[in-house]
Amino acid sequence: MLFFDLDGTLLDSNGIWLDIDIEFLGRYGIAPVPEDYTEYVTHHSPLDAARYTRMRFGLTETAEEIRQAWLQMARAAYAGKLELKPGVRLLLERCQKQGWKMVVLTSCMPELCRAALERHGIADWFQGVVTTQETGMEKRDPALYRLTAAQWGIPPEQCILFEDSPGYCAAAGEAGMYVVGVWDPLYARREEEVRRLCNSWIDSFDRLPQELEERLFSGA
């Protein structure tokens, strides 16, 4: 079974959250966006990130009001702006023809994830969408990957995950999944780390290493 992260893996979308951070914090005269702030909000749920934002910058809005402001900006991007990464559509088509079952595993807000998949006409290609909001688990927790595999009655060792985040690659590998690291500009400075953590690595869906090509399409 194949599992795909959304942001930074299938979708060229990691940059949108920095754009949202810049626009939102700019309303309060906060610029530039602190790097450690970006690191925190990237790896936490939207509500947790909103709570952190409120506390760190002393904002008067509630965490839910902050989350809703982000959501309004993000809706427009996911439903009408963000593109699939090069080669994604063709790879998914090939995997379908090969008989692979596919699932999206993401920390993206559920409605944004579904909006992007529907916009690109690929929502029906997946057997399901698993989000951290709906499971109540973080992607850095290896238990999430074991639970997700178990939902489809498949051992983690028989699953392949495509993921761009070093921390999430590590967690999935610890759970027993075969992990394919995906290059994304957000983690460009950590490329060597991702390579070490993963079983395979790609810099583009247009160019699969021979071993991965065979694993996906030769029945190996």
Protein backbone atom coordinates (compact mmCIF):
# COMPACT_ATOMS: atom_id res chain seq x y z
CA MET A 1 0.00 0.00 0.00
CA LEU A 2 1.21 3.51 -0.79
CA PHE A 3 0.92 6.47 1.57
CA PHE A 4 1.55 10.03 0.42
CA ASP A 5 2.12 13.15 2.45
CA LEU A 6 0.37 16.18 0.91
CA ASP A 7 2.20 19.44 1.62
CA GLY A 8 5.65 19.46 0.07
CA THR A 9 5.23 15.96 -1.34
CA LEU A 10 2.22 15.75 -3.67
CA LEU A 11 1.47 19.47 -3.54
CA ASP A 12 3.89 22.35 -4.03
CA SER A 13 2.46 24.06 -0.98
CA ASN A 14 5.01 24.39 1.82
CA GLY A 15 5.73 27.96 0.80
CA ILE A 16 2.10 29.00 1.20
CA TRP A 17 2.28 28.71 4.97
CA LEU A 18 5.24 31.06 5.13
CA ASP A 19 3.30 33.46 2.91
CA ILE A 20 0.38 33.24 5.33
CA ASP A 21 2.68 33.76 8.31
CA ILE A 22 4.22 36.82 6.66
CA GLU A 23 0.83 38.33 5.83
CA PHE A 24 -0.77 37.53 9.19
CA LEU A 25 2.11 38.62 11.43
CA GLY A 26 2.67 41.66 9.23
CA ARG A 27 -0.72 42.93 10.35
CA TYR A 28 0.85 43.36 13.79
CA GLY A 29 4.12 44.83 12.59
CA ILE A 30 6.02 41.59 13.17
CA ALA A 31 8.68 41.14 10.48
CA PRO A 32 10.58 39.17 9.49
CA VAL A 33 8.96 35.93 10.63
CA PRO A 34 11.30 34.27 13.19
CA GLU A 35 12.79 31.01 11.91
CA ASP A 36 12.10 29.16 15.17
CA TYR A 37 8.47 30.27 14.96
CA THR A 38 8.17 28.82 11.46
CA GLU A 39 9.72 25.56 12.65
CA TYR A 40 7.22 25.28 15.50
CA VAL A 41 4.04 26.01 13.57
CA THR A 42 5.11 23.76 10.68
CA HIS A 43 5.18 20.74 12.97
CA HIS A 44 2.08 21.29 15.11
CA SER A 45 -1.63 21.20 14.52
CA PRO A 46 -3.27 24.46 13.40
CA LEU A 47 -4.95 25.01 16.76
CA ASP A 48 -1.76 24.31 18.71
CA ALA A 49 0.10 26.66 16.38
CA ALA A 50 -2.56 29.33 16.91
CA ARG A 51 -2.27 29.00 20.69
CA TYR A 52 1.49 29.33 20.41
CA THR A 53 1.14 32.39 18.15
CA ARG A 54 -1.22 34.09 20.58
CA MET A 55 1.06 33.40 23.53
CA ARG A 56 4.35 34.26 21.84
CA PHE A 57 3.26 37.57 20.36
CA GLY A 58 0.73 38.60 23.01
CA LEU A 59 -2.18 38.83 20.58
CA THR A 60 -5.66 39.68 21.84
CA GLU A 61 -7.50 37.36 19.43
CA THR A 62 -8.44 33.91 20.65
CA ALA A 63 -6.59 30.91 19.26
CA GLU A 64 -9.72 29.95 17.32
CA GLU A 65 -9.97 33.43 15.76
CA ILE A 66 -6.34 33.18 14.69
CA ARG A 67 -6.94 29.72 13.23
CA GLN A 68 -9.96 30.98 11.30
CA ALA A 69 -7.95 33.88 9.87
CA TRP A 70 -5.31 31.43 8.64
CA LEU A 71 -8.00 29.15 7.27
CA GLN A 72 -9.60 31.92 5.24
CA MET A 73 -6.27 32.70 3.56
CA ALA A 74 -5.45 29.05 3.04
CA ARG A 75 -8.82 28.13 1.51
CA ALA A 76 -8.22 30.44 -1.42
CA ALA A 77 -4.80 28.93 -2.05
CA TYR A 78 -5.71 25.24 -1.76
CA ALA A 79 -8.92 25.54 -3.74
CA GLY A 80 -7.57 27.69 -6.54
CA LYS A 81 -3.84 28.30 -6.59
CA LEU A 82 -1.53 25.51 -5.43
CA GLU A 83 -0.21 23.08 -8.02
CA LEU A 84 0.83 19.44 -7.92
CA LYS A 85 4.57 18.88 -7.96
CA PRO A 86 6.04 17.94 -11.35
CA GLY A 87 5.50 14.30 -12.20
CA VAL A 88 2.96 13.63 -9.45
CA ARG A 89 -0.06 13.09 -11.69
CA LEU A 90 1.76 10.67 -13.97
CA LEU A 91 3.17 8.67 -11.05
CA LEU A 92 -0.25 8.36 -9.43
CA GLU A 93 -1.75 7.22 -12.74
CA ARG A 94 0.96 4.58 -13.11
CA CYS A 95 0.46 3.39 -9.54
CA GLN A 96 -3.28 3.08 -10.15
CA LYS A 97 -2.72 0.99 -13.26
CA GLN A 98 -0.29 -1.19 -11.33
CA GLY A 99 -3.05 -1.90 -8.80
CA TRP A 100 -1.59 -0.07 -5.83
CA LYS A 101 -4.01 1.16 -3.18
CA MET A 102 -3.16 4.72 -2.20
CA VAL A 103 -3.88 6.87 0.87
CA VAL A 104 -3.05 10.47 1.75
CA LEU A 105 -1.51 10.83 5.22
CA THR A 106 -1.23 14.48 6.19
CA SER A 107 -1.17 17.08 8.94
CA CYS A 108 -2.98 19.48 6.61
CA MET A 109 -6.42 20.66 7.69
CA PRO A 110 -8.94 18.13 6.33
CA GLU A 111 -11.00 20.60 4.33
CA LEU A 112 -7.90 22.10 2.71
CA CYS A 113 -6.54 18.69 1.78
CA ARG A 114 -9.79 17.63 0.17
CA ALA A 115 -10.15 20.97 -1.63
CA ALA A 116 -6.73 20.54 -3.24
CA LEU A 117 -7.33 16.92 -4.23
CA GLU A 118 -10.72 17.77 -5.72
CA ARG A 119 -9.37 20.78 -7.60
CA HIS A 120 -6.82 18.57 -9.34
CA GLY A 121 -9.34 15.80 -9.99
CA ILE A 122 -7.46 13.14 -8.03
CA ALA A 123 -9.57 12.78 -4.87
CA ASP A 124 -11.14 9.55 -6.12
CA TRP A 125 -7.75 8.01 -6.80
CA PHE A 126 -7.17 7.51 -3.08
CA GLN A 127 -8.77 4.92 -0.84
CA GLY A 128 -8.79 7.42 1.99
CA VAL A 129 -7.37 10.54 3.59
CA VAL A 130 -5.90 10.28 7.09
CA THR A 131 -5.27 13.57 8.92
CA THR A 132 -3.61 14.21 12.23
CA GLN A 133 -6.56 16.35 13.29
CA GLU A 134 -8.95 13.44 12.84
CA THR A 135 -6.69 10.86 14.51
CA GLY A 136 -5.51 13.13 17.33
CA MET A 137 -1.94 11.96 16.72
CA GLU A 138 1.14 13.79 15.46
CA LYS A 139 3.10 12.67 12.41
CA ARG A 140 6.27 12.57 14.48
CA ASP A 141 4.73 9.66 16.45
CA PRO A 142 5.58 6.22 14.99
CA ALA A 143 2.30 4.91 16.42
CA LEU A 144 0.39 6.97 13.84
CA TYR A 145 1.93 4.99 10.99
CA ARG A 146 1.25 1.65 12.66
CA LEU A 147 -2.36 2.69 13.31
CA THR A 148 -2.86 3.90 9.76
CA ALA A 149 -1.50 0.69 8.26
CA ALA A 150 -3.69 -1.34 10.63
CA GLN A 151 -6.80 0.51 9.41
CA TRP A 152 -6.28 -1.20 6.06
CA GLY A 153 -5.18 -4.48 7.59
CA ILE A 154 -1.64 -4.23 6.27
CA PRO A 155 1.63 -4.52 8.25
CA PRO A 156 3.75 -1.34 8.15
CA GLU A 157 6.52 -3.38 6.53
CA GLN A 158 4.32 -3.76 3.44
CA CYS A 159 3.70 -0.01 3.14
CA ILE A 160 5.61 2.64 1.21
CA LEU A 161 5.45 6.25 2.39
CA PHE A 162 6.40 9.32 0.33
CA GLU A 163 7.34 12.18 2.66
CA ASP A 164 9.43 15.37 2.62
CA SER A 165 9.83 16.12 6.35
CA PRO A 166 12.93 14.65 8.05
CA GLY A 167 11.14 14.14 11.36
CA TYR A 168 8.22 12.37 9.78
CA CYS A 169 10.50 10.21 7.64
CA ALA A 170 12.23 9.10 10.83
CA ALA A 171 8.96 8.27 12.58
CA ALA A 172 7.62 6.25 9.66
CA GLY A 173 10.88 4.37 9.36
CA GLU A 174 10.79 3.56 13.06
CA ALA A 175 7.28 2.19 12.56
CA GLY A 176 8.62 -0.17 9.90
CA MET A 177 7.47 1.49 6.69
CA TYR A 178 9.61 1.74 3.57
CA VAL A 179 10.22 5.48 3.34
CA VAL A 180 10.82 7.48 0.18
CA GLY A 181 12.22 10.92 0.93
CA VAL A 182 10.99 13.68 -1.38
CA TRP A 183 13.02 16.82 -2.01
CA ASP A 184 11.33 20.10 -1.14
CA PRO A 185 12.83 23.61 -0.87
CA LEU A 186 11.65 23.88 2.75
CA TYR A 187 14.09 21.16 3.77
CA ALA A 188 16.81 21.78 1.19
CA ARG A 189 19.41 22.42 3.90
CA ARG A 190 18.58 19.06 5.48
CA GLU A 191 18.81 16.96 2.33
CA GLU A 192 21.62 14.75 3.61
CA GLU A 193 19.68 14.08 6.80
CA VAL A 194 16.61 13.03 4.82
CA ARG A 195 18.71 10.76 2.64
CA ARG A 196 20.13 9.01 5.71
CA LEU A 197 16.69 8.50 7.24
CA CYS A 198 15.03 7.05 4.14
CA ASN A 199 15.19 3.82 2.20
CA SER A 200 15.00 5.73 -1.07
CA TRP A 201 15.10 9.37 -2.10
CA ILE A 202 13.83 11.38 -5.07
CA ASP A 203 14.44 14.95 -6.14
CA SER A 204 11.50 14.76 -8.56
CA PHE A 205 8.61 12.42 -9.29
CA ASP A 206 9.79 12.54 -12.90
CA ARG A 207 12.99 10.70 -11.97
CA LEU A 208 12.67 7.58 -9.84
CA PRO A 209 15.77 5.62 -8.87
CA GLN A 210 15.92 2.20 -10.48
CA GLU A 211 15.37 0.33 -7.22
CA LEU A 212 12.19 2.29 -6.47
CA GLU A 213 10.96 1.94 -10.05
CA GLU A 214 11.28 -1.82 -9.74
CA ARG A 215 9.67 -1.92 -6.31
CA LEU A 216 6.64 -0.02 -7.56
CA PHE A 217 6.16 -1.42 -11.03
CA SER A 218 7.80 -4.83 -11.36
CA GLY A 219 6.02 -6.59 -8.51
CA ALA A 220 9.21 -6.76 -6.46
